[in-house]
PDB file of N, CA and C in Angstrom:
ATOM      1  N   UNK A   1     -81.017  -7.355  44.406  1.00  0.00           N
ATOM      2  CA  UNK A   1     -81.004  -8.635  45.101  1.00  0.00           C
ATOM      3  C   UNK A   1     -79.771  -8.618  45.998  1.00  0.00           C
ATOM      4  N   UNK A   2     -79.886  -9.164  47.174  1.00  0.00           N
ATOM      5  CA  UNK A   2     -78.739  -9.261  48.071  1.00  0.00           C
ATOM      6  C   UNK A   2     -77.688 -10.234  47.548  1.00  0.00           C
ATOM      7  N   UNK A   3     -76.385  -9.931  47.820  1.00  0.00           N
ATOM      8  CA  UNK A   3     -75.331 -10.765  47.308  1.00  0.00           C
ATOM      9  C   UNK A   3     -75.491 -12.250  47.795  1.00  0.00           C
ATOM     10  N   UNK A   4     -75.928 -12.442  49.021  1.00  0.00           N
ATOM     11  CA  UNK A   4     -76.094 -13.807  49.574  1.00  0.00           C
ATOM     12  C   UNK A   4     -77.130 -14.587  48.762  1.00  0.00           C
ATOM     13  N   UNK A   5     -78.256 -13.972  48.448  1.00  0.00           N
ATOM     14  CA  UNK A   5     -79.267 -14.599  47.661  1.00  0.00           C
ATOM     15  C   UNK A   5     -78.830 -14.920  46.266  1.00  0.00           C
ATOM     16  N   UNK A   6     -78.127 -13.949  45.631  1.00  0.00           N
ATOM     17  CA  UNK A   6     -77.637 -14.199  44.290  1.00  0.00           C
ATOM     18  C   UNK A   6     -76.582 -15.320  44.281  1.00  0.00           C
ATOM     19  N   UNK A   7     -75.699 -15.352  45.221  1.00  0.00           N
ATOM     20  CA  UNK A   7     -74.688 -16.391  45.294  1.00  0.00           C
ATOM     21  C   UNK A   7     -75.338 -17.768  45.468  1.00  0.00           C
ATOM     22  N   UNK A   8     -76.364 -17.876  46.326  1.00  0.00           N
ATOM     23  CA  UNK A   8     -77.029 -19.114  46.542  1.00  0.00           C
ATOM     24  C   UNK A   8     -77.803 -19.534  45.296  1.00  0.00           C
ATOM     25  N   UNK A   9     -78.451 -18.591  44.596  1.00  0.00           N
ATOM     26  CA  UNK A   9     -79.184 -18.868  43.399  1.00  0.00           C
ATOM     27  C   UNK A   9     -78.254 -19.370  42.289  1.00  0.00           C
ATOM     28  N   UNK A  10     -77.224 -18.660  42.029  1.00  0.00           N
ATOM     29  CA  UNK A  10     -76.292 -19.091  40.948  1.00  0.00           C
ATOM     30  C   UNK A  10     -75.500 -20.395  41.338  1.00  0.00           C
ATOM     31  N   UNK A  11     -75.208 -20.471  42.616  1.00  0.00           N
ATOM     32  CA  UNK A  11     -74.426 -21.669  43.050  1.00  0.00           C
ATOM     33  C   UNK A  11     -75.227 -22.925  42.911  1.00  0.00           C
ATOM     34  N   UNK A  12     -76.546 -22.830  42.927  1.00  0.00           N
ATOM     35  CA  UNK A  12     -77.385 -24.068  42.773  1.00  0.00           C
ATOM     36  C   UNK A  12     -77.459 -24.478  41.342  1.00  0.00           C
ATOM     37  N   UNK A  13     -77.060 -23.611  40.391  1.00  0.00           N
ATOM     38  CA  UNK A  13     -77.232 -23.907  38.963  1.00  0.00           C
ATOM     39  C   UNK A  13     -75.930 -24.162  38.278  1.00  0.00           C
ATOM     40  N   UNK A  14     -74.828 -24.189  38.974  1.00  0.00           N
ATOM     41  CA  UNK A  14     -73.503 -24.410  38.377  1.00  0.00           C
ATOM     42  C   UNK A  14     -72.829 -25.586  39.043  1.00  0.00           C
ATOM     43  N   UNK A  15     -71.853 -26.154  38.382  1.00  0.00           N
ATOM     44  CA  UNK A  15     -71.122 -27.281  38.953  1.00  0.00           C
ATOM     45  C   UNK A  15     -70.268 -26.831  40.123  1.00  0.00           C
ATOM     46  N   UNK A  16     -69.533 -25.712  39.926  1.00  0.00           N
ATOM     47  CA  UNK A  16     -68.665 -25.178  40.920  1.00  0.00           C
ATOM     48  C   UNK A  16     -69.416 -24.052  41.624  1.00  0.00           C
ATOM     49  N   UNK A  17     -69.792 -24.248  42.886  1.00  0.00           N
ATOM     50  CA  UNK A  17     -70.546 -23.240  43.581  1.00  0.00           C
ATOM     51  C   UNK A  17     -69.776 -21.911  43.725  1.00  0.00           C
ATOM     52  N   UNK A  18     -70.570 -20.824  43.632  1.00  0.00           N
ATOM     53  CA  UNK A  18     -69.929 -19.499  43.778  1.00  0.00           C
ATOM     54  C   UNK A  18     -69.880 -19.193  45.270  1.00  0.00           C
ATOM     55  N   UNK A  19     -68.794 -18.517  45.643  1.00  0.00           N
ATOM     56  CA  UNK A  19     -68.649 -17.983  46.996  1.00  0.00           C
ATOM     57  C   UNK A  19     -69.054 -16.509  46.915  1.00  0.00           C
ATOM     58  N   UNK A  20     -69.354 -15.949  48.089  1.00  0.00           N
ATOM     59  CA  UNK A  20     -69.782 -14.563  48.132  1.00  0.00           C
ATOM     60  C   UNK A  20     -68.677 -13.609  47.621  1.00  0.00           C
ATOM     61  N   UNK A  21     -67.457 -13.885  48.091  1.00  0.00           N
ATOM     62  CA  UNK A  21     -66.328 -13.009  47.653  1.00  0.00           C
ATOM     63  C   UNK A  21     -66.003 -13.150  46.188  1.00  0.00           C
ATOM     64  N   UNK A  22     -66.075 -14.365  45.675  1.00  0.00           N
ATOM     65  CA  UNK A  22     -65.816 -14.618  44.262  1.00  0.00           C
ATOM     66  C   UNK A  22     -66.852 -13.870  43.434  1.00  0.00           C
ATOM     67  N   UNK A  23     -68.130 -13.906  43.833  1.00  0.00           N
ATOM     68  CA  UNK A  23     -69.191 -13.217  43.115  1.00  0.00           C
ATOM     69  C   UNK A  23     -68.973 -11.700  43.111  1.00  0.00           C
ATOM     70  N   UNK A  24     -68.585 -11.132  44.237  1.00  0.00           N
ATOM     71  CA  UNK A  24     -68.340  -9.708  44.294  1.00  0.00           C
ATOM     72  C   UNK A  24     -67.161  -9.276  43.425  1.00  0.00           C
ATOM     73  N   UNK A  25     -66.126 -10.094  43.462  1.00  0.00           N
ATOM     74  CA  UNK A  25     -64.893  -9.763  42.667  1.00  0.00           C
ATOM     75  C   UNK A  25     -65.260  -9.804  41.163  1.00  0.00           C
ATOM     76  N   UNK A  26     -66.072 -10.789  40.770  1.00  0.00           N
ATOM     77  CA  UNK A  26     -66.445 -10.932  39.359  1.00  0.00           C
ATOM     78  C   UNK A  26     -67.307  -9.728  38.927  1.00  0.00           C
ATOM     79  N   UNK A  27     -68.215  -9.300  39.804  1.00  0.00           N
ATOM     80  CA  UNK A  27     -69.107  -8.172  39.484  1.00  0.00           C
ATOM     81  C   UNK A  27     -68.237  -6.892  39.402  1.00  0.00           C
ATOM     82  N   UNK A  28     -67.303  -6.681  40.315  1.00  0.00           N
ATOM     83  CA  UNK A  28     -66.452  -5.471  40.240  1.00  0.00           C
ATOM     84  C   UNK A  28     -65.607  -5.472  38.922  1.00  0.00           C
ATOM     85  N   UNK A  29     -65.135  -6.680  38.519  1.00  0.00           N
ATOM     86  CA  UNK A  29     -64.362  -6.721  37.278  1.00  0.00           C
ATOM     87  C   UNK A  29     -65.257  -6.412  36.131  1.00  0.00           C
ATOM     88  N   UNK A  30     -66.451  -6.960  36.065  1.00  0.00           N
ATOM     89  CA  UNK A  30     -67.322  -6.684  34.953  1.00  0.00           C
ATOM     90  C   UNK A  30     -67.711  -5.183  34.880  1.00  0.00           C
ATOM     91  N   UNK A  31     -67.923  -4.536  36.034  1.00  0.00           N
ATOM     92  CA  UNK A  31     -68.225  -3.116  36.053  1.00  0.00           C
ATOM     93  C   UNK A  31     -67.027  -2.331  35.478  1.00  0.00           C
ATOM     94  N   UNK A  32     -65.848  -2.692  35.955  1.00  0.00           N
ATOM     95  CA  UNK A  32     -64.638  -2.021  35.547  1.00  0.00           C
ATOM     96  C   UNK A  32     -64.425  -2.137  33.983  1.00  0.00           C
ATOM     97  N   UNK A  33     -64.780  -3.315  33.463  1.00  0.00           N
ATOM     98  CA  UNK A  33     -64.617  -3.529  32.017  1.00  0.00           C
ATOM     99  C   UNK A  33     -65.779  -3.005  31.209  1.00  0.00           C
ATOM    100  N   UNK A  34     -66.791  -2.445  31.898  1.00  0.00           N
ATOM    101  CA  UNK A  34     -67.944  -1.855  31.166  1.00  0.00           C
ATOM    102  C   UNK A  34     -69.018  -2.855  30.737  1.00  0.00           C
ATOM    103  N   UNK A  35     -68.945  -4.062  31.282  1.00  0.00           N
ATOM    104  CA  UNK A  35     -69.923  -5.110  30.945  1.00  0.00           C
ATOM    105  C   UNK A  35     -71.172  -5.043  31.819  1.00  0.00           C
ATOM    106  N   UNK A  36     -71.085  -4.417  32.975  1.00  0.00           N
ATOM    107  CA  UNK A  36     -72.218  -4.250  33.844  1.00  0.00           C
ATOM    108  C   UNK A  36     -72.332  -2.742  34.263  1.00  0.00           C
ATOM    109  N   UNK A  37     -73.542  -2.373  34.577  1.00  0.00           N
ATOM    110  CA  UNK A  37     -73.739  -1.000  35.090  1.00  0.00           C
ATOM    111  C   UNK A  37     -73.180  -0.824  36.492  1.00  0.00           C
ATOM    112  N   UNK A  38     -72.794   0.353  36.848  1.00  0.00           N
ATOM    113  CA  UNK A  38     -72.232   0.520  38.206  1.00  0.00           C
ATOM    114  C   UNK A  38     -73.284   0.367  39.271  1.00  0.00           C
ATOM    115  N   UNK A  39     -74.534   0.500  38.910  1.00  0.00           N
ATOM    116  CA  UNK A  39     -75.614   0.310  39.920  1.00  0.00           C
ATOM    117  C   UNK A  39     -75.687  -1.115  40.446  1.00  0.00           C
ATOM    118  N   UNK A  40     -75.032  -2.072  39.766  1.00  0.00           N
ATOM    119  CA  UNK A  40     -74.999  -3.445  40.257  1.00  0.00           C
ATOM    120  C   UNK A  40     -74.297  -3.507  41.585  1.00  0.00           C
ATOM    121  N   UNK A  41     -73.362  -2.615  41.815  1.00  0.00           N
ATOM    122  CA  UNK A  41     -72.578  -2.636  43.068  1.00  0.00           C
ATOM    123  C   UNK A  41     -73.300  -1.889  44.134  1.00  0.00           C
ATOM    124  N   UNK A  42     -74.384  -1.205  43.871  1.00  0.00           N
ATOM    125  CA  UNK A  42     -75.081  -0.505  44.901  1.00  0.00           C
ATOM    126  C   UNK A  42     -75.687  -1.482  45.925  1.00  0.00           C
ATOM    127  N   UNK A  43     -75.953  -0.901  47.117  1.00  0.00           N
ATOM    128  CA  UNK A  43     -76.521  -1.768  48.175  1.00  0.00           C
ATOM    129  C   UNK A  43     -77.928  -2.148  47.825  1.00  0.00           C
ATOM    130  N   UNK A  44     -78.286  -3.390  48.086  1.00  0.00           N
ATOM    131  CA  UNK A  44     -79.603  -3.883  47.810  1.00  0.00           C
ATOM    132  C   UNK A  44     -80.599  -3.264  48.809  1.00  0.00           C
ATOM    133  N   UNK A  45     -81.853  -3.007  48.394  1.00  0.00           N
ATOM    134  CA  UNK A  45     -82.831  -2.427  49.323  1.00  0.00           C
ATOM    135  C   UNK A  45     -83.100  -3.410  50.472  1.00  0.00           C
ATOM    136  N   UNK A  46     -83.430  -2.911  51.596  1.00  0.00           N
ATOM    137  CA  UNK A  46     -83.810  -3.740  52.729  1.00  0.00           C
ATOM    138  C   UNK A  46     -85.109  -4.444  52.438  1.00  0.00           C
ATOM    139  N   UNK A  47     -85.115  -5.751  52.815  1.00  0.00           N
ATOM    140  CA  UNK A  47     -86.377  -6.502  52.633  1.00  0.00           C
ATOM    141  C   UNK A  47     -86.796  -7.120  53.943  1.00  0.00           C
ATOM    142  N   UNK A  48     -88.050  -7.437  54.067  1.00  0.00           N
ATOM    143  CA  UNK A  48     -88.510  -8.162  55.242  1.00  0.00           C
ATOM    144  C   UNK A  48     -88.082  -9.614  55.093  1.00  0.00           C
ATOM    145  N   UNK A  49     -88.082 -10.329  56.205  1.00  0.00           N
ATOM    146  CA  UNK A  49     -87.567 -11.669  56.248  1.00  0.00           C
ATOM    147  C   UNK A  49     -88.373 -12.648  55.344  1.00  0.00           C
ATOM    148  N   UNK A  50     -89.661 -12.386  55.094  1.00  0.00           N
ATOM    149  CA  UNK A  50     -90.441 -13.348  54.394  1.00  0.00           C
ATOM    150  C   UNK A  50     -90.544 -13.019  52.868  1.00  0.00           C
ATOM    151  N   UNK A  51     -89.877 -11.986  52.404  1.00  0.00           N
ATOM    152  CA  UNK A  51     -89.898 -11.695  50.981  1.00  0.00           C
ATOM    153  C   UNK A  51     -89.327 -12.799  50.117  1.00  0.00           C
ATOM    154  N   UNK A  52     -88.279 -13.414  50.584  1.00  0.00           N
ATOM    155  CA  UNK A  52     -87.646 -14.526  49.858  1.00  0.00           C
ATOM    156  C   UNK A  52     -88.610 -15.695  49.638  1.00  0.00           C
ATOM    157  N   UNK A  53     -89.313 -16.039  50.645  1.00  0.00           N
ATOM    158  CA  UNK A  53     -90.291 -17.126  50.591  1.00  0.00           C
ATOM    159  C   UNK A  53     -91.454 -16.733  49.616  1.00  0.00           C
ATOM    160  N   UNK A  54     -91.928 -15.505  49.676  1.00  0.00           N
ATOM    161  CA  UNK A  54     -92.981 -15.049  48.775  1.00  0.00           C
ATOM    162  C   UNK A  54     -92.436 -15.103  47.322  1.00  0.00           C
ATOM    163  N   UNK A  55     -91.224 -14.714  47.118  1.00  0.00           N
ATOM    164  CA  UNK A  55     -90.676 -14.738  45.729  1.00  0.00           C
ATOM    165  C   UNK A  55     -90.584 -16.140  45.231  1.00  0.00           C
ATOM    166  N   UNK A  56     -90.192 -17.058  46.096  1.00  0.00           N
ATOM    167  CA  UNK A  56     -90.142 -18.480  45.661  1.00  0.00           C
ATOM    168  C   UNK A  56     -91.489 -19.020  45.276  1.00  0.00           C
ATOM    169  N   UNK A  57     -92.483 -18.741  46.107  1.00  0.00           N
ATOM    170  CA  UNK A  57     -93.827 -19.186  45.845  1.00  0.00           C
ATOM    171  C   UNK A  57     -94.405 -18.581  44.558  1.00  0.00           C
ATOM    172  N   UNK A  58     -94.106 -17.279  44.382  1.00  0.00           N
ATOM    173  CA  UNK A  58     -94.548 -16.574  43.158  1.00  0.00           C
ATOM    174  C   UNK A  58     -93.909 -17.190  41.962  1.00  0.00           C
ATOM    175  N   UNK A  59     -92.645 -17.571  42.037  1.00  0.00           N
ATOM    176  CA  UNK A  59     -91.958 -18.177  40.954  1.00  0.00           C
ATOM    177  C   UNK A  59     -92.533 -19.534  40.601  1.00  0.00           C
ATOM    178  N   UNK A  60     -92.891 -20.298  41.624  1.00  0.00           N
ATOM    179  CA  UNK A  60     -93.539 -21.616  41.410  1.00  0.00           C
ATOM    180  C   UNK A  60     -94.858 -21.449  40.702  1.00  0.00           C
ATOM    181  N   UNK A  61     -95.637 -20.425  41.080  1.00  0.00           N
ATOM    182  CA  UNK A  61     -96.961 -20.210  40.510  1.00  0.00           C
ATOM    183  C   UNK A  61     -96.772 -19.756  39.063  1.00  0.00           C
ATOM    184  N   UNK A  62     -95.787 -18.930  38.769  1.00  0.00           N
ATOM    185  CA  UNK A  62     -95.582 -18.521  37.410  1.00  0.00           C
ATOM    186  C   UNK A  62     -95.137 -19.687  36.499  1.00  0.00           C
ATOM    187  N   UNK A  63     -94.253 -20.532  37.087  1.00  0.00           N
ATOM    188  CA  UNK A  63     -93.729 -21.651  36.325  1.00  0.00           C
ATOM    189  C   UNK A  63     -94.816 -22.713  35.973  1.00  0.00           C
ATOM    190  N   UNK A  64     -95.708 -22.924  36.955  1.00  0.00           N
ATOM    191  CA  UNK A  64     -96.727 -23.912  36.720  1.00  0.00           C
ATOM    192  C   UNK A  64     -98.046 -23.400  37.434  1.00  0.00           C
ATOM    193  N   UNK A  65     -98.884 -22.688  36.661  1.00  0.00           N
ATOM    194  CA  UNK A  65    -100.116 -22.123  37.247  1.00  0.00           C
ATOM    195  C   UNK A  65    -101.065 -23.224  37.760  1.00  0.00           C
ATOM    196  N   UNK A  66    -100.965 -24.424  37.275  1.00  0.00           N
ATOM    197  CA  UNK A  66    -101.866 -25.507  37.708  1.00  0.00           C
ATOM    198  C   UNK A  66    -101.375 -26.237  38.928  1.00  0.00           C
ATOM    199  N   UNK A  67    -100.236 -25.846  39.440  1.00  0.00           N
ATOM    200  CA  UNK A  67     -99.674 -26.583  40.628  1.00  0.00           C
ATOM    201  C   UNK A  67    -100.541 -26.364  41.832  1.00  0.00           C
ATOM    202  N   UNK A  68    -100.942 -27.392  42.517  1.00  0.00           N
ATOM    203  CA  UNK A  68    -101.827 -27.306  43.651  1.00  0.00           C
ATOM    204  C   UNK A  68    -101.117 -26.790  44.859  1.00  0.00           C
ATOM    205  N   UNK A  69    -101.892 -26.408  45.841  1.00  0.00           N
ATOM    206  CA  UNK A  69    -101.286 -25.910  47.104  1.00  0.00           C
ATOM    207  C   UNK A  69    -100.457 -27.002  47.736  1.00  0.00           C
ATOM    208  N   UNK A  70    -100.932 -28.238  47.693  1.00  0.00           N
ATOM    209  CA  UNK A  70    -100.153 -29.341  48.223  1.00  0.00           C
ATOM    210  C   UNK A  70     -98.821 -29.557  47.484  1.00  0.00           C
ATOM    211  N   UNK A  71     -98.893 -29.381  46.175  1.00  0.00           N
ATOM    212  CA  UNK A  71     -97.684 -29.499  45.340  1.00  0.00           C
ATOM    213  C   UNK A  71     -96.700 -28.430  45.691  1.00  0.00           C
ATOM    214  N   UNK A  72     -97.115 -27.216  45.868  1.00  0.00           N
ATOM    215  CA  UNK A  72     -96.236 -26.127  46.291  1.00  0.00           C
ATOM    216  C   UNK A  72     -95.607 -26.434  47.651  1.00  0.00           C
ATOM    217  N   UNK A  73     -96.465 -26.878  48.562  1.00  0.00           N
ATOM    218  CA  UNK A  73     -95.950 -27.258  49.887  1.00  0.00           C
ATOM    219  C   UNK A  73     -94.897 -28.295  49.827  1.00  0.00           C
ATOM    220  N   UNK A  74     -95.161 -29.320  49.027  1.00  0.00           N
ATOM    221  CA  UNK A  74     -94.237 -30.423  48.896  1.00  0.00           C
ATOM    222  C   UNK A  74     -92.883 -29.973  48.306  1.00  0.00           C
ATOM    223  N   UNK A  75     -92.969 -29.066  47.299  1.00  0.00           N
ATOM    224  CA  UNK A  75     -91.752 -28.569  46.673  1.00  0.00           C
ATOM    225  C   UNK A  75     -90.945 -27.707  47.719  1.00  0.00           C
ATOM    226  N   UNK A  76     -91.658 -26.902  48.449  1.00  0.00           N
ATOM    227  CA  UNK A  76     -90.926 -26.100  49.481  1.00  0.00           C
ATOM    228  C   UNK A  76     -90.202 -26.988  50.485  1.00  0.00           C
ATOM    229  N   UNK A  77     -90.887 -28.030  50.921  1.00  0.00           N
ATOM    230  CA  UNK A  77     -90.305 -28.972  51.817  1.00  0.00           C
ATOM    231  C   UNK A  77     -89.079 -29.669  51.244  1.00  0.00           C
ATOM    232  N   UNK A  78     -89.200 -30.066  49.967  1.00  0.00           N
ATOM    233  CA  UNK A  78     -88.073 -30.700  49.253  1.00  0.00           C
ATOM    234  C   UNK A  78     -86.889 -29.747  49.076  1.00  0.00           C
ATOM    235  N   UNK A  79     -87.155 -28.505  49.009  1.00  0.00           N
ATOM    236  CA  UNK A  79     -86.086 -27.499  48.824  1.00  0.00           C
ATOM    237  C   UNK A  79     -85.437 -27.186  50.227  1.00  0.00           C
ATOM    238  N   UNK A  80     -86.041 -27.637  51.265  1.00  0.00           N
ATOM    239  CA  UNK A  80     -85.544 -27.355  52.634  1.00  0.00           C
ATOM    240  C   UNK A  80     -85.884 -26.012  53.167  1.00  0.00           C
ATOM    241  N   UNK A  81     -86.921 -25.358  52.550  1.00  0.00           N
ATOM    242  CA  UNK A  81     -87.376 -24.091  53.052  1.00  0.00           C
ATOM    243  C   UNK A  81     -88.118 -24.244  54.340  1.00  0.00           C
ATOM    244  N   UNK A  82     -88.051 -23.176  55.141  1.00  0.00           N
ATOM    245  CA  UNK A  82     -88.733 -23.168  56.444  1.00  0.00           C
ATOM    246  C   UNK A  82     -89.951 -22.234  56.359  1.00  0.00           C
ATOM    247  N   UNK A  83     -90.948 -22.562  57.131  1.00  0.00           N
ATOM    248  CA  UNK A  83     -92.120 -21.676  57.255  1.00  0.00           C
ATOM    249  C   UNK A  83     -91.638 -20.383  57.926  1.00  0.00           C
ATOM    250  N   UNK A  84     -92.578 -19.386  57.950  1.00  0.00           N
ATOM    251  CA  UNK A  84     -92.272 -18.144  58.579  1.00  0.00           C
ATOM    252  C   UNK A  84     -91.971 -18.329  60.088  1.00  0.00           C
ATOM    253  N   UNK A  85     -92.554 -19.333  60.610  1.00  0.00           N
ATOM    254  CA  UNK A  85     -92.279 -19.644  62.072  1.00  0.00           C
ATOM    255  C   UNK A  85     -91.143 -20.635  62.301  1.00  0.00           C
ATOM    256  N   UNK A  86     -90.492 -21.019  61.202  1.00  0.00           N
ATOM    257  CA  UNK A  86     -89.351 -21.854  61.344  1.00  0.00           C
ATOM    258  C   UNK A  86     -89.554 -23.385  61.272  1.00  0.00           C
ATOM    259  N   UNK A  87     -90.799 -23.748  60.941  1.00  0.00           N
ATOM    260  CA  UNK A  87     -91.126 -25.154  60.873  1.00  0.00           C
ATOM    261  C   UNK A  87     -90.668 -25.746  59.539  1.00  0.00           C
ATOM    262  N   UNK A  88     -90.518 -27.064  59.493  1.00  0.00           N
ATOM    263  CA  UNK A  88     -90.041 -27.704  58.262  1.00  0.00           C
ATOM    264  C   UNK A  88     -91.179 -28.138  57.299  1.00  0.00           C
ATOM    265  N   UNK A  89     -92.410 -28.215  57.836  1.00  0.00           N
ATOM    266  CA  UNK A  89     -93.490 -28.680  56.942  1.00  0.00           C
ATOM    267  C   UNK A  89     -94.474 -27.508  56.714  1.00  0.00           C
ATOM    268  N   UNK A  90     -94.991 -27.484  55.480  1.00  0.00           N
ATOM    269  CA  UNK A  90     -95.962 -26.496  55.083  1.00  0.00           C
ATOM    270  C   UNK A  90     -97.298 -27.149  54.968  1.00  0.00           C
ATOM    271  N   UNK A  91     -98.367 -26.376  55.382  1.00  0.00           N
ATOM    272  CA  UNK A  91     -99.726 -26.837  55.178  1.00  0.00           C
ATOM    273  C   UNK A  91    -100.327 -26.012  53.972  1.00  0.00           C
ATOM    274  N   UNK A  92    -101.253 -26.677  53.236  1.00  0.00           N
ATOM    275  CA  UNK A  92    -101.865 -25.925  52.132  1.00  0.00           C
ATOM    276  C   UNK A  92    -102.474 -24.591  52.527  1.00  0.00           C
ATOM    277  N   UNK A  93    -103.030 -24.487  53.666  1.00  0.00           N
ATOM    278  CA  UNK A  93    -103.568 -23.182  54.170  1.00  0.00           C
ATOM    279  C   UNK A  93    -102.519 -22.113  54.318  1.00  0.00           C
ATOM    280  N   UNK A  94    -101.349 -22.514  54.781  1.00  0.00           N
ATOM    281  CA  UNK A  94    -100.246 -21.527  54.905  1.00  0.00           C
ATOM    282  C   UNK A  94     -99.742 -21.138  53.528  1.00  0.00           C
ATOM    283  N   UNK A  95     -99.678 -22.052  52.598  1.00  0.00           N
ATOM    284  CA  UNK A  95     -99.273 -21.734  51.267  1.00  0.00           C
ATOM    285  C   UNK A  95    -100.324 -20.786  50.594  1.00  0.00           C
ATOM    286  N   UNK A  96    -101.593 -21.022  50.880  1.00  0.00           N
ATOM    287  CA  UNK A  96    -102.649 -20.165  50.346  1.00  0.00           C
ATOM    288  C   UNK A  96    -102.510 -18.722  50.873  1.00  0.00           C
ATOM    289  N   UNK A  97    -102.234 -18.588  52.152  1.00  0.00           N
ATOM    290  CA  UNK A  97    -102.051 -17.228  52.704  1.00  0.00           C
ATOM    291  C   UNK A  97    -100.818 -16.534  52.172  1.00  0.00           C
ATOM    292  N   UNK A  98     -99.789 -17.316  51.889  1.00  0.00           N
ATOM    293  CA  UNK A  98     -98.591 -16.735  51.281  1.00  0.00           C
ATOM    294  C   UNK A  98     -98.850 -16.344  49.847  1.00  0.00           C
ATOM    295  N   UNK A  99     -99.611 -17.087  49.132  1.00  0.00           N
ATOM    296  CA  UNK A  99     -99.992 -16.730  47.757  1.00  0.00           C
ATOM    297  C   UNK A  99    -100.819 -15.434  47.728  1.00  0.00           C
ATOM    298  N   UNK A 100    -101.727 -15.321  48.687  1.00  0.00           N
ATOM    299  CA  UNK A 100    -102.538 -14.083  48.786  1.00  0.00           C
ATOM    300  C   UNK A 100    -101.633 -12.885  49.113  1.00  0.00           C
ATOM    301  N   UNK A 101    -100.680 -13.033  49.981  1.00  0.00           N
ATOM    302  CA  UNK A 101     -99.767 -11.948  50.313  1.00  0.00           C
ATOM    303  C   UNK A 101     -98.943 -11.583  49.108  1.00  0.00           C
ATOM    304  N   UNK A 102     -98.523 -12.578  48.307  1.00  0.00           N
ATOM    305  CA  UNK A 102     -97.738 -12.344  47.122  1.00  0.00           C
ATOM    306  C   UNK A 102     -98.556 -11.551  46.091  1.00  0.00           C
ATOM    307  N   UNK A 103     -99.828 -11.859  46.013  1.00  0.00           N
ATOM    308  CA  UNK A 103    -100.732 -11.154  45.100  1.00  0.00           C
ATOM    309  C   UNK A 103    -100.912  -9.694  45.592  1.00  0.00           C
ATOM    310  N   UNK A 104    -101.037  -9.438  46.828  1.00  0.00           N
ATOM    311  CA  UNK A 104    -101.203  -8.114  47.335  1.00  0.00           C
ATOM    312  C   UNK A 104     -99.931  -7.280  47.059  1.00  0.00           C
ATOM    313  N   UNK A 105     -98.770  -7.929  47.137  1.00  0.00           N
ATOM    314  CA  UNK A 105     -97.510  -7.226  46.833  1.00  0.00           C
ATOM    315  C   UNK A 105     -97.231  -7.073  45.352  1.00  0.00           C
ATOM    316  N   UNK A 106     -98.051  -7.677  44.512  1.00  0.00           N
ATOM    317  CA  UNK A 106     -97.921  -7.570  43.077  1.00  0.00           C
ATOM    318  C   UNK A 106     -96.956  -8.557  42.482  1.00  0.00           C
ATOM    319  N   UNK A 107     -96.557  -9.583  43.226  1.00  0.00           N
ATOM    320  CA  UNK A 107     -95.623 -10.614  42.679  1.00  0.00           C
ATOM    321  C   UNK A 107     -96.376 -11.573  41.772  1.00  0.00           C
ATOM    322  N   UNK A 108     -97.691 -11.693  41.998  1.00  0.00           N
ATOM    323  CA  UNK A 108     -98.514 -12.603  41.188  1.00  0.00           C
ATOM    324  C   UNK A 108     -99.773 -11.823  40.738  1.00  0.00           C
ATOM    325  N   UNK A 109    -100.156 -12.053  39.543  1.00  0.00           N
ATOM    326  CA  UNK A 109    -101.367 -11.392  39.045  1.00  0.00           C
ATOM    327  C   UNK A 109    -102.509 -12.439  39.213  1.00  0.00           C
ATOM    328  N   UNK A 110    -103.620 -11.935  39.686  1.00  0.00           N
ATOM    329  CA  UNK A 110    -104.782 -12.854  39.955  1.00  0.00           C
ATOM    330  C   UNK A 110    -105.365 -13.453  38.736  1.00  0.00           C
TER     331      UNK A 110
END
């Protein structure tokens, strides 16, 4: 996972938000002390721009398999996520196509 994504993810779950540099320093310290593998410091593999959105939608589907397309669209809008074209609102049909792409990539089992 990219450092930016990890920082944003952990920062949303703690009272004091993590900064990118603070996260890297902590990881290096943990590796030095033998608490983490050295591979943690390796460069993250390159991803396409829409992988993050697919991962979010796959996570929503895993968390609540009965969530409707409209419900997923509403949650994405509440989170402030943008569509692949940069729009602020999601349509159920666009959520459906993203779910199908996530299935093809193996993020969701049918």
